[in-house]
């Protein structure tokens, strides 16, 4: 017996909502008075986005029991690693800026 919770649409919507919630929960931008973009925040946001997209693709492949081509494996792992490296780098630069060890 098939229920609403077994449908492809429901599973796909839950994966998408989870990925969007993950991204927004971690990286909600705050309102500013000045229009200047902080490169540290931009790097952190881009890293979070790449990691969230990689997680979405990985969860989709897991939930739907699909085996992506080898090129996609490399691409998704590269996005994940690049996103994590960007987040770590932005955090390190932000902490060094706060500590006054590097100048803006």
C-alpha atoms as a PDB file:
ATOM      1  CA  UNK A   1       0.000   0.000   0.000  1.00  0.00           C
ATOM      2  CA  UNK A   2       1.439   3.314  -1.076  1.00  0.00           C
ATOM      3  CA  UNK A   3       0.900   6.395   1.075  1.00  0.00           C
ATOM      4  CA  UNK A   4       1.496  10.091   0.600  1.00  0.00           C
ATOM      5  CA  UNK A   5       4.821   9.814   2.424  1.00  0.00           C
ATOM      6  CA  UNK A   6       6.137   7.258  -0.095  1.00  0.00           C
ATOM      7  CA  UNK A   7       5.638   9.484  -3.126  1.00  0.00           C
ATOM      8  CA  UNK A   8       8.564  10.880  -5.075  1.00  0.00           C
ATOM      9  CA  UNK A   9       7.198  14.413  -4.837  1.00  0.00           C
ATOM     10  CA  UNK A  10       7.043  14.296  -1.052  1.00  0.00           C
ATOM     11  CA  UNK A  11      10.567  12.936  -0.716  1.00  0.00           C
ATOM     12  CA  UNK A  12      11.964  15.463  -3.182  1.00  0.00           C
ATOM     13  CA  UNK A  13      10.216  18.351  -1.449  1.00  0.00           C
ATOM     14  CA  UNK A  14      11.566  17.241   1.935  1.00  0.00           C
ATOM     15  CA  UNK A  15      15.114  17.055   0.557  1.00  0.00           C
ATOM     16  CA  UNK A  16      14.816  20.512  -1.031  1.00  0.00           C
ATOM     17  CA  UNK A  17      13.237  22.094   2.044  1.00  0.00           C
ATOM     18  CA  UNK A  18      15.917  20.524   4.236  1.00  0.00           C
ATOM     19  CA  UNK A  19      18.736  21.850   2.051  1.00  0.00           C
ATOM     20  CA  UNK A  20      17.245  25.345   1.934  1.00  0.00           C
ATOM     21  CA  UNK A  21      16.667  25.304   5.690  1.00  0.00           C
ATOM     22  CA  UNK A  22      20.220  24.107   6.282  1.00  0.00           C
ATOM     23  CA  UNK A  23      21.643  26.921   4.185  1.00  0.00           C
ATOM     24  CA  UNK A  24      19.446  29.661   5.644  1.00  0.00           C
ATOM     25  CA  UNK A  25      19.847  28.390   9.193  1.00  0.00           C
ATOM     26  CA  UNK A  26      23.601  28.662   8.986  1.00  0.00           C
ATOM     27  CA  UNK A  27      24.014  31.762   6.874  1.00  0.00           C
ATOM     28  CA  UNK A  28      21.233  34.317   7.301  1.00  0.00           C
ATOM     29  CA  UNK A  29      22.663  37.701   6.316  1.00  0.00           C
ATOM     30  CA  UNK A  30      22.056  40.652   8.578  1.00  0.00           C
ATOM     31  CA  UNK A  31      20.810  44.042   7.445  1.00  0.00           C
ATOM     32  CA  UNK A  32      23.403  46.761   6.988  1.00  0.00           C
ATOM     33  CA  UNK A  33      23.424  50.490   6.772  1.00  0.00           C
ATOM     34  CA  UNK A  34      26.275  50.487   4.252  1.00  0.00           C
ATOM     35  CA  UNK A  35      26.095  48.732   0.877  1.00  0.00           C
ATOM     36  CA  UNK A  36      29.735  47.488   1.098  1.00  0.00           C
ATOM     37  CA  UNK A  37      30.175  43.724   0.834  1.00  0.00           C
ATOM     38  CA  UNK A  38      32.551  42.137   3.329  1.00  0.00           C
ATOM     39  CA  UNK A  39      34.801  39.644   1.484  1.00  0.00           C
ATOM     40  CA  UNK A  40      35.016  37.403   4.554  1.00  0.00           C
ATOM     41  CA  UNK A  41      31.235  37.083   4.777  1.00  0.00           C
ATOM     42  CA  UNK A  42      30.955  36.576   1.020  1.00  0.00           C
ATOM     43  CA  UNK A  43      33.547  33.790   1.120  1.00  0.00           C
ATOM     44  CA  UNK A  44      31.794  32.147   4.055  1.00  0.00           C
ATOM     45  CA  UNK A  45      28.392  32.383   2.359  1.00  0.00           C
ATOM     46  CA  UNK A  46      29.726  30.959  -0.918  1.00  0.00           C
ATOM     47  CA  UNK A  47      31.389  28.093   0.966  1.00  0.00           C
ATOM     48  CA  UNK A  48      28.185  27.326   2.833  1.00  0.00           C
ATOM     49  CA  UNK A  49      26.232  27.361  -0.417  1.00  0.00           C
ATOM     50  CA  UNK A  50      28.645  24.975  -2.143  1.00  0.00           C
ATOM     51  CA  UNK A  51      28.593  22.599   0.819  1.00  0.00           C
ATOM     52  CA  UNK A  52      24.768  22.723   0.942  1.00  0.00           C
ATOM     53  CA  UNK A  53      24.469  21.967  -2.782  1.00  0.00           C
ATOM     54  CA  UNK A  54      26.887  19.049  -2.428  1.00  0.00           C
ATOM     55  CA  UNK A  55      24.853  17.752   0.516  1.00  0.00           C
ATOM     56  CA  UNK A  56      21.617  18.090  -1.480  1.00  0.00           C
ATOM     57  CA  UNK A  57      23.042  16.094  -4.384  1.00  0.00           C
ATOM     58  CA  UNK A  58      24.420  13.437  -2.038  1.00  0.00           C
ATOM     59  CA  UNK A  59      21.130  13.060  -0.164  1.00  0.00           C
ATOM     60  CA  UNK A  60      19.206  12.909  -3.438  1.00  0.00           C
ATOM     61  CA  UNK A  61      21.443  10.083  -4.690  1.00  0.00           C
ATOM     62  CA  UNK A  62      21.051   8.254  -1.372  1.00  0.00           C
ATOM     63  CA  UNK A  63      17.276   8.658  -1.074  1.00  0.00           C
ATOM     64  CA  UNK A  64      16.531   7.718  -4.675  1.00  0.00           C
ATOM     65  CA  UNK A  65      19.171   4.951  -4.712  1.00  0.00           C
ATOM     66  CA  UNK A  66      20.878   6.341  -7.788  1.00  0.00           C
ATOM     67  CA  UNK A  67      24.486   5.834  -8.764  1.00  0.00           C
ATOM     68  CA  UNK A  68      25.811   9.011 -10.381  1.00  0.00           C
ATOM     69  CA  UNK A  69      28.526   8.877 -13.039  1.00  0.00           C
ATOM     70  CA  UNK A  70      32.132   9.054 -11.857  1.00  0.00           C
ATOM     71  CA  UNK A  71      32.479  12.637 -13.095  1.00  0.00           C
ATOM     72  CA  UNK A  72      29.617  13.673 -10.794  1.00  0.00           C
ATOM     73  CA  UNK A  73      31.274  11.959  -7.833  1.00  0.00           C
ATOM     74  CA  UNK A  74      34.411  14.002  -8.407  1.00  0.00           C
ATOM     75  CA  UNK A  75      32.411  17.206  -8.926  1.00  0.00           C
ATOM     76  CA  UNK A  76      30.318  16.809  -5.772  1.00  0.00           C
ATOM     77  CA  UNK A  77      33.338  15.942  -3.630  1.00  0.00           C
ATOM     78  CA  UNK A  78      35.209  18.925  -5.087  1.00  0.00           C
ATOM     79  CA  UNK A  79      32.300  21.277  -4.274  1.00  0.00           C
ATOM     80  CA  UNK A  80      32.129  19.933  -0.741  1.00  0.00           C
ATOM     81  CA  UNK A  81      35.868  20.275  -0.171  1.00  0.00           C
ATOM     82  CA  UNK A  82      36.016  23.741  -1.743  1.00  0.00           C
ATOM     83  CA  UNK A  83      33.040  24.870   0.351  1.00  0.00           C
ATOM     84  CA  UNK A  84      34.606  23.598   3.569  1.00  0.00           C
ATOM     85  CA  UNK A  85      37.974  25.177   2.717  1.00  0.00           C
ATOM     86  CA  UNK A  86      36.237  28.499   1.981  1.00  0.00           C
ATOM     87  CA  UNK A  87      34.376  28.365   5.312  1.00  0.00           C
ATOM     88  CA  UNK A  88      37.532  27.535   7.259  1.00  0.00           C
ATOM     89  CA  UNK A  89      39.523  30.244   5.471  1.00  0.00           C
ATOM     90  CA  UNK A  90      36.849  32.867   6.074  1.00  0.00           C
ATOM     91  CA  UNK A  91      36.676  31.926   9.748  1.00  0.00           C
ATOM     92  CA  UNK A  92      40.446  32.122  10.109  1.00  0.00           C
ATOM     93  CA  UNK A  93      40.668  35.494   8.372  1.00  0.00           C
ATOM     94  CA  UNK A  94      37.756  36.834  10.428  1.00  0.00           C
ATOM     95  CA  UNK A  95      39.388  35.776  13.693  1.00  0.00           C
ATOM     96  CA  UNK A  96      42.715  37.289  12.659  1.00  0.00           C
ATOM     97  CA  UNK A  97      40.957  40.553  11.754  1.00  0.00           C
ATOM     98  CA  UNK A  98      39.252  40.665  15.141  1.00  0.00           C
ATOM     99  CA  UNK A  99      42.519  39.921  16.934  1.00  0.00           C
ATOM    100  CA  UNK A 100      44.186  42.759  14.988  1.00  0.00           C
ATOM    101  CA  UNK A 101      46.924  40.529  13.584  1.00  0.00           C
ATOM    102  CA  UNK A 102      46.131  41.516   9.995  1.00  0.00           C
ATOM    103  CA  UNK A 103      44.886  44.818   8.587  1.00  0.00           C
ATOM    104  CA  UNK A 104      41.813  45.265   6.414  1.00  0.00           C
END
